[in-house]
């Protein structure tokens, strides 16, 4: 059995969709500034925390002008003398 949509039901559906659409628009305009302010405060706190951690890592523990070597190179490396035959190359024009 097929039912036909009535004009009243169609208009009612369109009206409900429009009311929901405009209701969301109005609520967004009301609450968007508060949401943006909240998000900006959270981002500011996050950046301040990261900046503070970076500053703590970079604080020098030595006196100004003092030379500090962070890594001493390994001197136990020996070169392999059996690397191959030396071939002299010449450029050909």
PDB file of N, CA and C in Angstrom:
ATOM      1  N   UNK A   1       0.846  -1.159   0.000  1.00  0.00           N
ATOM      2  CA  UNK A   1       0.000   0.000   0.000  1.00  0.00           C
ATOM      3  C   UNK A   1       0.901   1.233   0.000  1.00  0.00           C
ATOM      4  N   UNK A   2       0.729   2.081  -0.945  1.00  0.00           N
ATOM      5  CA  UNK A   2       1.504   3.302  -1.070  1.00  0.00           C
ATOM      6  C   UNK A   2       0.791   4.435  -0.369  1.00  0.00           C
ATOM      7  N   UNK A   3       1.612   5.223   0.332  1.00  0.00           N
ATOM      8  CA  UNK A   3       1.054   6.408   0.978  1.00  0.00           C
ATOM      9  C   UNK A   3       1.641   7.632   0.316  1.00  0.00           C
ATOM     10  N   UNK A   4       0.808   8.600   0.130  1.00  0.00           N
ATOM     11  CA  UNK A   4       1.279   9.840  -0.460  1.00  0.00           C
ATOM     12  C   UNK A   4       1.555  10.836   0.655  1.00  0.00           C
ATOM     13  N   UNK A   5       2.642  11.589   0.464  1.00  0.00           N
ATOM     14  CA  UNK A   5       2.980  12.602   1.451  1.00  0.00           C
ATOM     15  C   UNK A   5       2.021  13.765   1.321  1.00  0.00           C
ATOM     16  N   UNK A   6       1.583  14.228   2.454  1.00  0.00           N
ATOM     17  CA  UNK A   6       0.667  15.364   2.418  1.00  0.00           C
ATOM     18  C   UNK A   6       1.469  16.657   2.400  1.00  0.00           C
ATOM     19  N   UNK A   7       0.885  17.692   1.919  1.00  0.00           N
ATOM     20  CA  UNK A   7       1.529  18.989   1.873  1.00  0.00           C
ATOM     21  C   UNK A   7       1.804  19.490   3.289  1.00  0.00           C
ATOM     22  N   UNK A   8       0.887  19.195   4.203  1.00  0.00           N
ATOM     23  CA  UNK A   8       1.068  19.606   5.595  1.00  0.00           C
ATOM     24  C   UNK A   8       2.304  18.938   6.207  1.00  0.00           C
ATOM     25  N   UNK A   9       2.497  17.668   5.996  1.00  0.00           N
ATOM     26  CA  UNK A   9       3.658  16.946   6.528  1.00  0.00           C
ATOM     27  C   UNK A   9       4.962  17.459   5.925  1.00  0.00           C
ATOM     28  N   UNK A  10       4.945  17.749   4.643  1.00  0.00           N
ATOM     29  CA  UNK A  10       6.136  18.272   3.968  1.00  0.00           C
ATOM     30  C   UNK A  10       6.524  19.640   4.519  1.00  0.00           C
ATOM     31  N   UNK A  11       5.543  20.530   4.644  1.00  0.00           N
ATOM     32  CA  UNK A  11       5.819  21.863   5.179  1.00  0.00           C
ATOM     33  C   UNK A  11       6.276  21.797   6.633  1.00  0.00           C
ATOM     34  N   UNK A  12       5.703  20.903   7.384  1.00  0.00           N
ATOM     35  CA  UNK A  12       6.108  20.729   8.783  1.00  0.00           C
ATOM     36  C   UNK A  12       7.561  20.268   8.875  1.00  0.00           C
ATOM     37  N   UNK A  13       7.976  19.348   8.027  1.00  0.00           N
ATOM     38  CA  UNK A  13       9.351  18.859   8.004  1.00  0.00           C
ATOM     39  C   UNK A  13      10.315  19.977   7.622  1.00  0.00           C
ATOM     40  N   UNK A  14       9.980  20.744   6.608  1.00  0.00           N
ATOM     41  CA  UNK A  14      10.813  21.870   6.181  1.00  0.00           C
ATOM     42  C   UNK A  14      10.933  22.892   7.306  1.00  0.00           C
ATOM     43  N   UNK A  15       9.831  23.176   7.996  1.00  0.00           N
ATOM     44  CA  UNK A  15       9.829  24.136   9.096  1.00  0.00           C
ATOM     45  C   UNK A  15      10.720  23.649  10.248  1.00  0.00           C
ATOM     46  N   UNK A  16      10.652  22.382  10.578  1.00  0.00           N
ATOM     47  CA  UNK A  16      11.492  21.825  11.650  1.00  0.00           C
ATOM     48  C   UNK A  16      12.963  21.923  11.267  1.00  0.00           C
ATOM     49  N   UNK A  17      13.296  21.610  10.020  1.00  0.00           N
ATOM     50  CA  UNK A  17      14.692  21.697   9.567  1.00  0.00           C
ATOM     51  C   UNK A  17      15.188  23.131   9.658  1.00  0.00           C
ATOM     52  N   UNK A  18      14.383  24.089   9.229  1.00  0.00           N
ATOM     53  CA  UNK A  18      14.786  25.502   9.293  1.00  0.00           C
ATOM     54  C   UNK A  18      14.941  25.978  10.738  1.00  0.00           C
ATOM     55  N   UNK A  19      14.042  25.575  11.620  1.00  0.00           N
ATOM     56  CA  UNK A  19      14.143  25.976  13.028  1.00  0.00           C
ATOM     57  C   UNK A  19      15.406  25.413  13.674  1.00  0.00           C
ATOM     58  N   UNK A  20      15.709  24.167  13.390  1.00  0.00           N
ATOM     59  CA  UNK A  20      16.934  23.562  13.938  1.00  0.00           C
ATOM     60  C   UNK A  20      18.155  24.272  13.375  1.00  0.00           C
ATOM     61  N   UNK A  21      18.142  24.567  12.090  1.00  0.00           N
ATOM     62  CA  UNK A  21      19.284  25.248  11.447  1.00  0.00           C
ATOM     63  C   UNK A  21      19.529  26.624  12.073  1.00  0.00           C
ATOM     64  N   UNK A  22      18.474  27.419  12.199  1.00  0.00           N
ATOM     65  CA  UNK A  22      18.633  28.760  12.768  1.00  0.00           C
ATOM     66  C   UNK A  22      18.918  28.698  14.274  1.00  0.00           C
ATOM     67  N   UNK A  23      18.399  27.703  14.956  1.00  0.00           N
ATOM     68  CA  UNK A  23      18.709  27.527  16.374  1.00  0.00           C
ATOM     69  C   UNK A  23      20.186  27.236  16.588  1.00  0.00           C
ATOM     70  N   UNK A  24      20.744  26.385  15.743  1.00  0.00           N
ATOM     71  CA  UNK A  24      22.180  26.078  15.830  1.00  0.00           C
ATOM     72  C   UNK A  24      22.996  27.322  15.514  1.00  0.00           C
ATOM     73  N   UNK A  25      22.587  28.099  14.522  1.00  0.00           N
ATOM     74  CA  UNK A  25      23.305  29.334  14.184  1.00  0.00           C
ATOM     75  C   UNK A  25      23.318  30.311  15.353  1.00  0.00           C
ATOM     76  N   UNK A  26      22.181  30.477  16.004  1.00  0.00           N
ATOM     77  CA  UNK A  26      22.082  31.413  17.130  1.00  0.00           C
ATOM     78  C   UNK A  26      22.924  30.922  18.299  1.00  0.00           C
ATOM     79  N   UNK A  27      22.837  29.621  18.614  1.00  0.00           N
ATOM     80  CA  UNK A  27      23.630  29.078  19.717  1.00  0.00           C
ATOM     81  C   UNK A  27      25.123  29.158  19.426  1.00  0.00           C
ATOM     82  N   UNK A  28      25.498  28.973  18.182  1.00  0.00           N
ATOM     83  CA  UNK A  28      26.909  29.078  17.814  1.00  0.00           C
ATOM     84  C   UNK A  28      27.404  30.499  18.018  1.00  0.00           C
ATOM     85  N   UNK A  29      26.612  31.478  17.633  1.00  0.00           N
ATOM     86  CA  UNK A  29      27.016  32.877  17.825  1.00  0.00           C
ATOM     87  C   UNK A  29      27.108  33.234  19.301  1.00  0.00           C
ATOM     88  N   UNK A  30      26.284  32.618  20.134  1.00  0.00           N
ATOM     89  CA  UNK A  30      26.324  32.913  21.561  1.00  0.00           C
ATOM     90  C   UNK A  30      27.526  32.265  22.254  1.00  0.00           C
ATOM     91  N   UNK A  31      27.803  31.014  21.915  1.00  0.00           N
ATOM     92  CA  UNK A  31      28.814  30.252  22.649  1.00  0.00           C
ATOM     93  C   UNK A  31      30.183  30.208  21.990  1.00  0.00           C
ATOM     94  N   UNK A  32      30.307  30.648  20.752  1.00  0.00           N
ATOM     95  CA  UNK A  32      31.601  30.609  20.063  1.00  0.00           C
ATOM     96  C   UNK A  32      32.660  31.464  20.758  1.00  0.00           C
ATOM     97  N   UNK A  33      32.359  32.685  21.215  1.00  0.00           N
ATOM     98  CA  UNK A  33      33.410  33.455  21.894  1.00  0.00           C
ATOM     99  C   UNK A  33      33.933  32.773  23.152  1.00  0.00           C
ATOM    100  N   UNK A  34      33.049  32.166  23.921  1.00  0.00           N
ATOM    101  CA  UNK A  34      33.479  31.463  25.135  1.00  0.00           C
ATOM    102  C   UNK A  34      34.335  30.246  24.792  1.00  0.00           C
ATOM    103  N   UNK A  35      33.933  29.528  23.760  1.00  0.00           N
ATOM    104  CA  UNK A  35      34.690  28.358  23.339  1.00  0.00           C
ATOM    105  C   UNK A  35      36.061  28.757  22.818  1.00  0.00           C
ATOM    106  N   UNK A  36      36.134  29.829  22.031  1.00  0.00           N
ATOM    107  CA  UNK A  36      37.422  30.290  21.504  1.00  0.00           C
ATOM    108  C   UNK A  36      38.325  30.785  22.625  1.00  0.00           C
ATOM    109  N   UNK A  37      37.771  31.491  23.594  1.00  0.00           N
ATOM    110  CA  UNK A  37      38.554  31.981  24.727  1.00  0.00           C
ATOM    111  C   UNK A  37      39.108  30.801  25.532  1.00  0.00           C
ATOM    112  N   UNK A  38      38.291  29.780  25.748  1.00  0.00           N
ATOM    113  CA  UNK A  38      38.723  28.598  26.477  1.00  0.00           C
ATOM    114  C   UNK A  38      39.850  27.881  25.734  1.00  0.00           C
ATOM    115  N   UNK A  39      39.676  27.725  24.415  1.00  0.00           N
ATOM    116  CA  UNK A  39      40.699  27.037  23.623  1.00  0.00           C
ATOM    117  C   UNK A  39      41.996  27.838  23.587  1.00  0.00           C
ATOM    118  N   UNK A  40      41.912  29.163  23.497  1.00  0.00           N
ATOM    119  CA  UNK A  40      43.129  29.973  23.455  1.00  0.00           C
ATOM    120  C   UNK A  40      43.867  29.916  24.788  1.00  0.00           C
ATOM    121  N   UNK A  41      43.152  29.878  25.904  1.00  0.00           N
ATOM    122  CA  UNK A  41      43.808  29.748  27.215  1.00  0.00           C
ATOM    123  C   UNK A  41      44.519  28.405  27.335  1.00  0.00           C
ATOM    124  N   UNK A  42      43.882  27.355  26.865  1.00  0.00           N
ATOM    125  CA  UNK A  42      44.503  26.030  26.919  1.00  0.00           C
ATOM    126  C   UNK A  42      45.770  25.975  26.065  1.00  0.00           C
ATOM    127  N   UNK A  43      45.720  26.555  24.867  1.00  0.00           N
ATOM    128  CA  UNK A  43      46.886  26.577  23.999  1.00  0.00           C
ATOM    129  C   UNK A  43      48.000  27.422  24.610  1.00  0.00           C
ATOM    130  N   UNK A  44      47.648  28.538  25.242  1.00  0.00           N
ATOM    131  CA  UNK A  44      48.639  29.393  25.882  1.00  0.00           C
ATOM    132  C   UNK A  44      49.329  28.644  27.022  1.00  0.00           C
ATOM    133  N   UNK A  45      48.562  27.911  27.810  1.00  0.00           N
ATOM    134  CA  UNK A  45      49.153  27.131  28.898  1.00  0.00           C
ATOM    135  C   UNK A  45      50.075  26.048  28.341  1.00  0.00           C
ATOM    136  N   UNK A  46      49.682  25.424  27.265  1.00  0.00           N
ATOM    137  CA  UNK A  46      50.498  24.380  26.660  1.00  0.00           C
ATOM    138  C   UNK A  46      51.817  24.959  26.142  1.00  0.00           C
ATOM    139  N   UNK A  47      51.758  26.102  25.462  1.00  0.00           N
ATOM    140  CA  UNK A  47      52.972  26.719  24.932  1.00  0.00           C
ATOM    141  C   UNK A  47      53.873  27.216  26.048  1.00  0.00           C
ATOM    142  N   UNK A  48      53.294  27.768  27.110  1.00  0.00           N
ATOM    143  CA  UNK A  48      54.105  28.215  28.238  1.00  0.00           C
ATOM    144  C   UNK A  48      54.814  27.042  28.895  1.00  0.00           C
ATOM    145  N   UNK A  49      54.129  25.917  29.000  1.00  0.00           N
ATOM    146  CA  UNK A  49      54.752  24.723  29.571  1.00  0.00           C
ATOM    147  C   UNK A  49      55.909  24.232  28.713  1.00  0.00           C
ATOM    148  N   UNK A  50      55.711  24.201  27.405  1.00  0.00           N
ATOM    149  CA  UNK A  50      56.777  23.761  26.512  1.00  0.00           C
ATOM    150  C   UNK A  50      57.942  24.734  26.533  1.00  0.00           C
ATOM    151  N   UNK A  51      57.660  26.023  26.585  1.00  0.00           N
ATOM    152  CA  UNK A  51      58.713  27.027  26.618  1.00  0.00           C
ATOM    153  C   UNK A  51      59.504  26.922  27.914  1.00  0.00           C
ATOM    154  N   UNK A  52      58.805  26.698  29.019  1.00  0.00           N
ATOM    155  CA  UNK A  52      59.471  26.553  30.308  1.00  0.00           C
ATOM    156  C   UNK A  52      60.373  25.329  30.342  1.00  0.00           C
ATOM    157  N   UNK A  53      59.923  24.219  29.769  1.00  0.00           N
ATOM    158  CA  UNK A  53      60.747  23.008  29.723  1.00  0.00           C
ATOM    159  C   UNK A  53      61.975  23.234  28.867  1.00  0.00           C
ATOM    160  N   UNK A  54      61.814  23.940  27.763  1.00  0.00           N
ATOM    161  CA  UNK A  54      62.946  24.199  26.876  1.00  0.00           C
ATOM    162  C   UNK A  54      63.949  25.121  27.558  1.00  0.00           C
ATOM    163  N   UNK A  55      63.480  26.110  28.305  1.00  0.00           N
ATOM    164  CA  UNK A  55      64.371  27.025  28.995  1.00  0.00           C
ATOM    165  C   UNK A  55      65.143  26.310  30.090  1.00  0.00           C
ATOM    166  N   UNK A  56      64.519  25.344  30.756  1.00  0.00           N
ATOM    167  CA  UNK A  56      65.203  24.598  31.812  1.00  0.00           C
ATOM    168  C   UNK A  56      66.320  23.746  31.226  1.00  0.00           C
ATOM    169  N   UNK A  57      66.113  23.198  30.049  1.00  0.00           N
ATOM    170  CA  UNK A  57      67.142  22.374  29.416  1.00  0.00           C
ATOM    171  C   UNK A  57      68.317  23.204  28.944  1.00  0.00           C
ATOM    172  N   UNK A  58      68.069  24.459  28.569  1.00  0.00           N
ATOM    173  CA  UNK A  58      69.109  25.278  27.973  1.00  0.00           C
ATOM    174  C   UNK A  58      69.862  26.132  28.984  1.00  0.00           C
ATOM    175  N   UNK A  59      69.514  26.047  30.258  1.00  0.00           N
ATOM    176  CA  UNK A  59      70.215  26.854  31.240  1.00  0.00           C
ATOM    177  C   UNK A  59      71.643  26.336  31.386  1.00  0.00           C
ATOM    178  N   UNK A  60      72.615  27.216  31.210  1.00  0.00           N
ATOM    179  CA  UNK A  60      74.004  26.760  31.288  1.00  0.00           C
ATOM    180  C   UNK A  60      74.405  26.477  32.728  1.00  0.00           C
ATOM    181  N   UNK A  61      75.129  25.366  32.923  1.00  0.00           N
ATOM    182  CA  UNK A  61      75.615  25.017  34.248  1.00  0.00           C
ATOM    183  C   UNK A  61      77.080  25.390  34.397  1.00  0.00           C
ATOM    184  N   UNK A  62      77.732  25.807  33.324  1.00  0.00           N
ATOM    185  CA  UNK A  62      79.129  26.210  33.380  1.00  0.00           C
ATOM    186  C   UNK A  62      79.227  27.730  33.351  1.00  0.00           C
ATOM    187  N   UNK A  63      80.395  28.207  33.656  1.00  0.00           N
ATOM    188  CA  UNK A  63      80.632  29.647  33.659  1.00  0.00           C
ATOM    189  C   UNK A  63      80.760  30.147  32.225  1.00  0.00           C
ATOM    190  N   UNK A  64      80.537  31.421  32.048  1.00  0.00           N
ATOM    191  CA  UNK A  64      80.614  32.011  30.721  1.00  0.00           C
ATOM    192  C   UNK A  64      82.063  31.972  30.235  1.00  0.00           C
ATOM    193  N   UNK A  65      82.263  31.544  29.007  1.00  0.00           N
ATOM    194  CA  UNK A  65      83.598  31.455  28.434  1.00  0.00           C
ATOM    195  C   UNK A  65      84.260  30.115  28.657  1.00  0.00           C
ATOM    196  N   UNK A  66      83.674  29.250  29.455  1.00  0.00           N
ATOM    197  CA  UNK A  66      84.248  27.932  29.732  1.00  0.00           C
ATOM    198  C   UNK A  66      83.902  26.982  28.586  1.00  0.00           C
ATOM    199  N   UNK A  67      84.865  26.182  28.165  1.00  0.00           N
ATOM    200  CA  UNK A  67      84.650  25.234  27.089  1.00  0.00           C
ATOM    201  C   UNK A  67      84.213  23.895  27.668  1.00  0.00           C
ATOM    202  N   UNK A  68      83.139  23.341  27.120  1.00  0.00           N
ATOM    203  CA  UNK A  68      82.607  22.071  27.594  1.00  0.00           C
ATOM    204  C   UNK A  68      82.528  21.118  26.415  1.00  0.00           C
ATOM    205  N   UNK A  69      83.050  19.909  26.588  1.00  0.00           N
ATOM    206  CA  UNK A  69      82.974  18.874  25.560  1.00  0.00           C
ATOM    207  C   UNK A  69      81.927  17.875  26.018  1.00  0.00           C
ATOM    208  N   UNK A  70      80.858  17.776  25.246  1.00  0.00           N
ATOM    209  CA  UNK A  70      79.774  16.879  25.623  1.00  0.00           C
ATOM    210  C   UNK A  70      80.101  15.427  25.317  1.00  0.00           C
ATOM    211  N   UNK A  71      80.810  15.175  24.218  1.00  0.00           N
ATOM    212  CA  UNK A  71      81.086  13.800  23.823  1.00  0.00           C
ATOM    213  C   UNK A  71      82.554  13.685  23.472  1.00  0.00           C
ATOM    214  N   UNK A  72      83.202  12.700  24.055  1.00  0.00           N
ATOM    215  CA  UNK A  72      84.606  12.442  23.743  1.00  0.00           C
ATOM    216  C   UNK A  72      84.621  11.431  22.601  1.00  0.00           C
ATOM    217  N   UNK A  73      85.312  11.736  21.507  1.00  0.00           N
ATOM    218  CA  UNK A  73      85.306  10.816  20.364  1.00  0.00           C
ATOM    219  C   UNK A  73      86.018   9.511  20.706  1.00  0.00           C
ATOM    220  N   UNK A  74      85.547   8.444  20.102  1.00  0.00           N
ATOM    221  CA  UNK A  74      86.124   7.123  20.311  1.00  0.00           C
ATOM    222  C   UNK A  74      87.425   7.019  19.505  1.00  0.00           C
ATOM    223  N   UNK A  75      88.527   6.759  20.155  1.00  0.00           N
ATOM    224  CA  UNK A  75      89.827   6.719  19.489  1.00  0.00           C
ATOM    225  C   UNK A  75      90.263   5.285  19.161  1.00  0.00           C
ATOM    226  N   UNK A  76      89.432   4.335  19.391  1.00  0.00           N
ATOM    227  CA  UNK A  76      89.785   2.944  19.131  1.00  0.00           C
ATOM    228  C   UNK A  76      89.509   2.514  17.702  1.00  0.00           C
ATOM    229  N   UNK A  77      89.046   3.412  16.886  1.00  0.00           N
ATOM    230  CA  UNK A  77      88.736   3.028  15.517  1.00  0.00           C
ATOM    231  C   UNK A  77      90.025   2.941  14.698  1.00  0.00           C
ATOM    232  N   UNK A  78      90.164   1.873  13.974  1.00  0.00           N
ATOM    233  CA  UNK A  78      91.325   1.678  13.108  1.00  0.00           C
ATOM    234  C   UNK A  78      90.828   1.518  11.682  1.00  0.00           C
ATOM    235  N   UNK A  79      91.598   2.030  10.749  1.00  0.00           N
ATOM    236  CA  UNK A  79      91.189   1.917   9.362  1.00  0.00           C
ATOM    237  C   UNK A  79      91.623   0.563   8.812  1.00  0.00           C
ATOM    238  N   UNK A  80      90.891   0.081   7.868  1.00  0.00           N
ATOM    239  CA  UNK A  80      91.187  -1.195   7.226  1.00  0.00           C
ATOM    240  C   UNK A  80      92.185  -0.927   6.101  1.00  0.00           C
ATOM    241  N   UNK A  81      93.351  -1.500   6.177  1.00  0.00           N
ATOM    242  CA  UNK A  81      94.383  -1.275   5.169  1.00  0.00           C
ATOM    243  C   UNK A  81      94.100  -2.051   3.882  1.00  0.00           C
ATOM    244  N   UNK A  82      93.234  -3.030   3.910  1.00  0.00           N
ATOM    245  CA  UNK A  82      92.920  -3.827   2.730  1.00  0.00           C
ATOM    246  C   UNK A  82      91.643  -3.293   2.071  1.00  0.00           C
ATOM    247  N   UNK A  83      91.698  -2.045   1.648  1.00  0.00           N
ATOM    248  CA  UNK A  83      90.507  -1.444   1.063  1.00  0.00           C
ATOM    249  C   UNK A  83      90.412  -1.660  -0.430  1.00  0.00           C
ATOM    250  N   UNK A  84      91.474  -2.031  -1.079  1.00  0.00           N
ATOM    251  CA  UNK A  84      91.396  -2.290  -2.511  1.00  0.00           C
ATOM    252  C   UNK A  84      92.531  -1.657  -3.267  1.00  0.00           C
ATOM    253  N   UNK A  85      92.434  -1.757  -4.585  1.00  0.00           N
ATOM    254  CA  UNK A  85      93.485  -1.279  -5.466  1.00  0.00           C
ATOM    255  C   UNK A  85      93.211   0.162  -5.870  1.00  0.00           C
ATOM    256  N   UNK A  86      94.258   0.985  -5.927  1.00  0.00           N
ATOM    257  CA  UNK A  86      94.133   2.375  -6.320  1.00  0.00           C
ATOM    258  C   UNK A  86      94.141   2.452  -7.849  1.00  0.00           C
ATOM    259  N   UNK A  87      93.149   3.149  -8.399  1.00  0.00           N
ATOM    260  CA  UNK A  87      93.062   3.312  -9.857  1.00  0.00           C
ATOM    261  C   UNK A  87      93.124   4.800 -10.149  1.00  0.00           C
ATOM    262  N   UNK A  88      94.049   5.178 -11.023  1.00  0.00           N
ATOM    263  CA  UNK A  88      94.207   6.581 -11.398  1.00  0.00           C
ATOM    264  C   UNK A  88      93.282   6.850 -12.585  1.00  0.00           C
ATOM    265  N   UNK A  89      92.426   7.854 -12.430  1.00  0.00           N
ATOM    266  CA  UNK A  89      91.462   8.195 -13.483  1.00  0.00           C
ATOM    267  C   UNK A  89      91.953   9.440 -14.219  1.00  0.00           C
ATOM    268  N   UNK A  90      91.723   9.458 -15.508  1.00  0.00           N
ATOM    269  CA  UNK A  90      92.034  10.615 -16.331  1.00  0.00           C
ATOM    270  C   UNK A  90      90.772  11.060 -17.031  1.00  0.00           C
ATOM    271  N   UNK A  91      90.644  12.385 -17.182  1.00  0.00           N
ATOM    272  CA  UNK A  91      89.465  12.910 -17.878  1.00  0.00           C
ATOM    273  C   UNK A  91      89.677  12.754 -19.383  1.00  0.00           C
ATOM    274  N   UNK A  92      88.637  12.343 -20.059  1.00  0.00           N
ATOM    275  CA  UNK A  92      88.671  12.194 -21.506  1.00  0.00           C
ATOM    276  C   UNK A  92      87.733  13.229 -22.089  1.00  0.00           C
ATOM    277  N   UNK A  93      88.293  14.049 -23.019  1.00  0.00           N
ATOM    278  CA  UNK A  93      87.455  15.083 -23.640  1.00  0.00           C
ATOM    279  C   UNK A  93      86.762  14.571 -24.871  1.00  0.00           C
TER     280      UNK A  93
END
